[in-house]
PDB file of N, CA and C in Angstrom:
ATOM      1  N   MET A   1      -2.610  66.312 278.065  1.00  0.00           N
ATOM      2  CA  MET A   1      -2.841  67.695 277.534  1.00  0.00           C
ATOM      3  C   MET A   1      -3.822  67.438 276.509  1.00  0.00           C
ATOM      4  N   ASN A   2      -4.892  68.394 276.312  1.00  0.00           N
ATOM      5  CA  ASN A   2      -5.883  68.291 275.303  1.00  0.00           C
ATOM      6  C   ASN A   2      -5.174  68.259 273.830  1.00  0.00           C
ATOM      7  N   ALA A   3      -6.003  67.765 273.148  1.00  0.00           N
ATOM      8  CA  ALA A   3      -5.600  67.416 271.634  1.00  0.00           C
ATOM      9  C   ALA A   3      -5.422  68.757 270.814  1.00  0.00           C
ATOM     10  N   TYR A   4      -6.434  69.717 271.122  1.00  0.00           N
ATOM     11  CA  TYR A   4      -6.302  70.868 270.464  1.00  0.00           C
ATOM     12  C   TYR A   4      -5.106  71.717 270.831  1.00  0.00           C
ATOM     13  N   ILE A   5      -4.687  71.640 272.026  1.00  0.00           N
ATOM     14  CA  ILE A   5      -3.492  72.339 272.429  1.00  0.00           C
ATOM     15  C   ILE A   5      -2.261  71.712 271.935  1.00  0.00           C
ATOM     16  N   GLU A   6      -2.229  70.479 271.798  1.00  0.00           N
ATOM     17  CA  GLU A   6      -1.119  69.839 271.157  1.00  0.00           C
ATOM     18  C   GLU A   6      -0.881  70.160 269.737  1.00  0.00           C
ATOM     19  N   LYS A   7      -2.018  70.170 269.068  1.00  0.00           N
ATOM     20  CA  LYS A   7      -1.967  70.621 267.624  1.00  0.00           C
ATOM     21  C   LYS A   7      -1.636  71.996 267.470  1.00  0.00           C
ATOM     22  N   ALA A   8      -2.118  72.957 268.392  1.00  0.00           N
ATOM     23  CA  ALA A   8      -1.888  74.462 268.352  1.00  0.00           C
ATOM     24  C   ALA A   8      -0.405  74.599 268.513  1.00  0.00           C
ATOM     25  N   ILE A   9       0.263  73.779 269.457  1.00  0.00           N
ATOM     26  CA  ILE A   9       1.834  73.859 269.654  1.00  0.00           C
ATOM     27  C   ILE A   9       2.450  73.491 268.435  1.00  0.00           C
ATOM     28  N   VAL A  10       2.079  72.428 267.803  1.00  0.00           N
ATOM     29  CA  VAL A  10       2.860  71.853 266.674  1.00  0.00           C
ATOM     30  C   VAL A  10       2.716  72.891 265.436  1.00  0.00           C
ATOM     31  N   THR A  11       1.512  73.487 265.244  1.00  0.00           N
ATOM     32  CA  THR A  11       1.304  74.597 264.356  1.00  0.00           C
ATOM     33  C   THR A  11       2.010  75.798 264.545  1.00  0.00           C
ATOM     34  N   TYR A  12       2.086  76.216 265.836  1.00  0.00           N
ATOM     35  CA  TYR A  12       2.816  77.391 266.246  1.00  0.00           C
ATOM     36  C   TYR A  12       4.258  77.286 266.019  1.00  0.00           C
ATOM     37  N   CYS A  13       4.803  76.037 266.215  1.00  0.00           N
ATOM     38  CA  CYS A  13       6.355  75.871 266.100  1.00  0.00           C
ATOM     39  C   CYS A  13       6.751  75.550 264.589  1.00  0.00           C
ATOM     40  N   ASP A  14       5.744  75.206 263.749  1.00  0.00           N
ATOM     41  CA  ASP A  14       6.103  74.887 262.368  1.00  0.00           C
ATOM     42  C   ASP A  14       6.150  76.098 261.406  1.00  0.00           C
ATOM     43  N   THR A  15       7.417  76.487 261.119  1.00  0.00           N
ATOM     44  CA  THR A  15       7.577  77.633 260.326  1.00  0.00           C
ATOM     45  C   THR A  15       7.073  77.510 258.906  1.00  0.00           C
ATOM     46  N   SER A  16       6.663  76.296 258.519  1.00  0.00           N
ATOM     47  CA  SER A  16       6.125  76.277 257.076  1.00  0.00           C
ATOM     48  C   SER A  16       4.579  76.599 257.049  1.00  0.00           C
ATOM     49  N   GLN A  17       4.055  76.684 258.306  1.00  0.00           N
ATOM     50  CA  GLN A  17       2.566  77.161 258.319  1.00  0.00           C
ATOM     51  C   GLN A  17       2.496  78.656 257.906  1.00  0.00           C
ATOM     52  N   THR A  18       1.259  79.094 257.553  1.00  0.00           N
ATOM     53  CA  THR A  18       1.091  80.421 257.125  1.00  0.00           C
ATOM     54  C   THR A  18       1.140  81.327 258.439  1.00  0.00           C
ATOM     55  N   LEU A  19       1.128  82.489 258.195  1.00  0.00           N
ATOM     56  CA  LEU A  19       1.298  83.504 259.416  1.00  0.00           C
ATOM     57  C   LEU A  19      -0.169  83.448 260.039  1.00  0.00           C
ATOM     58  N   ILE A  20      -1.204  83.474 259.337  1.00  0.00           N
ATOM     59  CA  ILE A  20      -2.465  83.432 259.909  1.00  0.00           C
ATOM     60  C   ILE A  20      -2.733  82.084 260.802  1.00  0.00           C
ATOM     61  N   ALA A  21      -2.235  81.018 260.303  1.00  0.00           N
ATOM     62  CA  ALA A  21      -2.484  79.754 261.157  1.00  0.00           C
ATOM     63  C   ALA A  21      -1.600  79.795 262.438  1.00  0.00           C
ATOM     64  N   ARG A  22      -0.405  80.407 262.253  1.00  0.00           N
ATOM     65  CA  ARG A  22       0.357  80.623 263.477  1.00  0.00           C
ATOM     66  C   ARG A  22      -0.159  81.532 264.570  1.00  0.00           C
ATOM     67  N   GLN A  23      -0.760  82.571 263.973  1.00  0.00           N
ATOM     68  CA  GLN A  23      -1.495  83.620 264.849  1.00  0.00           C
ATOM     69  C   GLN A  23      -2.668  83.018 265.563  1.00  0.00           C
ATOM     70  N   ILE A  24      -3.515  82.161 264.690  1.00  0.00           N
ATOM     71  CA  ILE A  24      -4.537  81.497 265.511  1.00  0.00           C
ATOM     72  C   ILE A  24      -4.030  80.557 266.532  1.00  0.00           C
ATOM     73  N   ALA A  25      -2.922  79.747 266.125  1.00  0.00           N
ATOM     74  CA  ALA A  25      -2.440  78.887 267.215  1.00  0.00           C
ATOM     75  C   ALA A  25      -1.998  79.672 268.492  1.00  0.00           C
ATOM     76  N   TYR A  26      -1.333  80.830 268.281  1.00  0.00           N
ATOM     77  CA  TYR A  26      -0.894  81.754 269.376  1.00  0.00           C
ATOM     78  C   TYR A  26      -2.008  82.093 270.163  1.00  0.00           C
ATOM     79  N   THR A  27      -3.167  82.547 269.549  1.00  0.00           N
ATOM     80  CA  THR A  27      -4.327  82.975 270.233  1.00  0.00           C
ATOM     81  C   THR A  27      -4.966  81.704 271.089  1.00  0.00           C
ATOM     82  N   ALA A  28      -4.963  80.606 270.440  1.00  0.00           N
ATOM     83  CA  ALA A  28      -5.532  79.514 271.248  1.00  0.00           C
ATOM     84  C   ALA A  28      -4.675  79.209 272.380  1.00  0.00           C
ATOM     85  N   LEU A  29      -3.407  79.255 272.249  1.00  0.00           N
ATOM     86  CA  LEU A  29      -2.460  78.828 273.404  1.00  0.00           C
ATOM     87  C   LEU A  29      -2.494  80.021 274.597  1.00  0.00           C
ATOM     88  N   THR A  30      -2.581  81.176 274.024  1.00  0.00           N
ATOM     89  CA  THR A  30      -2.582  82.295 275.120  1.00  0.00           C
ATOM     90  C   THR A  30      -4.003  82.148 275.884  1.00  0.00           C
ATOM     91  N   ASN A  31      -5.125  81.834 275.145  1.00  0.00           N
ATOM     92  CA  ASN A  31      -6.384  81.632 275.753  1.00  0.00           C
ATOM     93  C   ASN A  31      -6.483  80.453 276.749  1.00  0.00           C
ATOM     94  N   ALA A  32      -5.475  79.524 276.463  1.00  0.00           N
ATOM     95  CA  ALA A  32      -5.406  78.245 277.284  1.00  0.00           C
ATOM     96  C   ALA A  32      -4.563  78.524 278.465  1.00  0.00           C
ATOM     97  N   GLY A  33      -3.924  79.681 278.572  1.00  0.00           N
ATOM     98  CA  GLY A  33      -3.151  80.021 279.681  1.00  0.00           C
ATOM     99  C   GLY A  33      -1.676  80.092 279.644  1.00  0.00           C
ATOM    100  N   PHE A  34      -1.104  79.786 278.294  1.00  0.00           N
ATOM    101  CA  PHE A  34       0.266  80.004 278.087  1.00  0.00           C
ATOM    102  C   PHE A  34       0.724  81.422 278.155  1.00  0.00           C
ATOM    103  N   THR A  35       1.753  81.737 278.621  1.00  0.00           N
ATOM    104  CA  THR A  35       2.425  83.016 278.545  1.00  0.00           C
ATOM    105  C   THR A  35       3.303  83.182 277.343  1.00  0.00           C
ATOM    106  N   ASP A  36       3.659  84.519 277.089  1.00  0.00           N
ATOM    107  CA  ASP A  36       4.620  84.751 276.078  1.00  0.00           C
ATOM    108  C   ASP A  36       6.017  83.981 276.258  1.00  0.00           C
ATOM    109  N   ALA A  37       6.333  83.929 277.593  1.00  0.00           N
ATOM    110  CA  ALA A  37       7.510  83.412 277.902  1.00  0.00           C
ATOM    111  C   ALA A  37       7.418  81.840 277.624  1.00  0.00           C
ATOM    112  N   ASP A  38       6.339  81.187 277.933  1.00  0.00           N
ATOM    113  CA  ASP A  38       6.256  79.722 277.732  1.00  0.00           C
ATOM    114  C   ASP A  38       6.241  79.545 276.129  1.00  0.00           C
ATOM    115  N   LEU A  39       5.641  80.490 275.354  1.00  0.00           N
ATOM    116  CA  LEU A  39       5.695  80.043 273.942  1.00  0.00           C
ATOM    117  C   LEU A  39       7.061  80.474 273.448  1.00  0.00           C
ATOM    118  N   GLU A  40       7.807  81.366 273.991  1.00  0.00           N
ATOM    119  CA  GLU A  40       9.213  81.574 273.460  1.00  0.00           C
ATOM    120  C   GLU A  40      10.163  80.339 273.776  1.00  0.00           C
ATOM    121  N   GLN A  41       9.873  79.791 274.981  1.00  0.00           N
ATOM    122  CA  GLN A  41      10.558  78.530 275.355  1.00  0.00           C
ATOM    123  C   GLN A  41      10.273  77.416 274.396  1.00  0.00           C
ATOM    124  N   VAL A  42       8.984  77.294 273.968  1.00  0.00           N
ATOM    125  CA  VAL A  42       8.637  76.285 272.988  1.00  0.00           C
ATOM    126  C   VAL A  42       9.277  76.509 271.631  1.00  0.00           C
ATOM    127  N   LEU A  43       9.191  77.719 271.141  1.00  0.00           N
ATOM    128  CA  LEU A  43       9.930  77.994 269.916  1.00  0.00           C
ATOM    129  C   LEU A  43      11.493  77.748 270.010  1.00  0.00           C
ATOM    130  N   ASN A  44      12.155  78.013 271.107  1.00  0.00           N
ATOM    131  CA  ASN A  44      13.506  77.840 271.238  1.00  0.00           C
ATOM    132  C   ASN A  44      13.981  76.416 271.412  1.00  0.00           C
ATOM    133  N   GLN A  45      13.066  75.695 272.013  1.00  0.00           N
ATOM    134  CA  GLN A  45      13.496  74.357 272.521  1.00  0.00           C
ATOM    135  C   GLN A  45      12.614  73.226 271.910  1.00  0.00           C
ATOM    136  N   GLY A  46      11.644  73.550 271.226  1.00  0.00           N
ATOM    137  CA  GLY A  46      10.805  72.556 270.469  1.00  0.00           C
ATOM    138  C   GLY A  46       9.527  72.214 271.229  1.00  0.00           C
ATOM    139  N   PRO A  47       8.589  71.600 270.590  1.00  0.00           N
ATOM    140  CA  PRO A  47       7.284  71.266 271.110  1.00  0.00           C
ATOM    141  C   PRO A  47       7.434  70.142 272.326  1.00  0.00           C
ATOM    142  N   GLU A  48       8.461  69.545 272.394  1.00  0.00           N
ATOM    143  CA  GLU A  48       8.679  68.619 273.473  1.00  0.00           C
ATOM    144  C   GLU A  48       8.869  69.223 274.799  1.00  0.00           C
ATOM    145  N   SER A  49       9.126  70.482 274.769  1.00  0.00           N
ATOM    146  CA  SER A  49       9.595  71.278 276.053  1.00  0.00           C
ATOM    147  C   SER A  49       8.362  72.102 276.655  1.00  0.00           C
ATOM    148  N   VAL A  50       7.203  71.791 276.198  1.00  0.00           N
ATOM    149  CA  VAL A  50       6.037  72.372 276.772  1.00  0.00           C
ATOM    150  C   VAL A  50       5.711  72.220 278.270  1.00  0.00           C
ATOM    151  N   PRO A  51       5.667  73.271 278.909  1.00  0.00           N
ATOM    152  CA  PRO A  51       5.429  73.307 280.321  1.00  0.00           C
ATOM    153  C   PRO A  51       4.026  72.684 280.645  1.00  0.00           C
ATOM    154  N   VAL A  52       4.067  71.591 281.701  1.00  0.00           N
ATOM    155  CA  VAL A  52       2.699  71.033 281.946  1.00  0.00           C
ATOM    156  C   VAL A  52       2.143  71.858 283.013  1.00  0.00           C
ATOM    157  N   MET A  53       0.855  72.266 282.762  1.00  0.00           N
ATOM    158  CA  MET A  53       0.105  72.975 283.774  1.00  0.00           C
ATOM    159  C   MET A  53      -1.002  72.269 284.418  1.00  0.00           C
ATOM    160  N   VAL A  54      -0.970  72.503 285.764  1.00  0.00           N
ATOM    161  CA  VAL A  54      -2.116  71.846 286.574  1.00  0.00           C
ATOM    162  C   VAL A  54      -2.835  72.886 287.214  1.00  0.00           C
ATOM    163  N   PHE A  55      -4.056  72.958 287.008  1.00  0.00           N
ATOM    164  CA  PHE A  55      -5.054  73.970 287.787  1.00  0.00           C
ATOM    165  C   PHE A  55      -5.909  73.213 288.706  1.00  0.00           C
ATOM    166  N   LEU A  56      -5.826  73.685 289.895  1.00  0.00           N
ATOM    167  CA  LEU A  56      -6.667  73.125 291.100  1.00  0.00           C
ATOM    168  C   LEU A  56      -7.826  74.069 291.300  1.00  0.00           C
ATOM    169  N   ALA A  57      -9.039  73.588 291.440  1.00  0.00           N
ATOM    170  CA  ALA A  57     -10.143  74.363 291.680  1.00  0.00           C
ATOM    171  C   ALA A  57     -10.580  74.228 292.991  1.00  0.00           C
TER     172      ALA A  57
END
């Protein structure tokens, strides 16, 4: 997984981050293809539960 996605996931899950930082992380993750359901799962189960996505071209 790309480093920026990993950092965005950690930021999104970290409740000590500011609201703006978490919103930016949310935008980066949704732009990367994560759905709201994926992000809800990450919030509930932690950053280790991130679904791995493989895109074939």
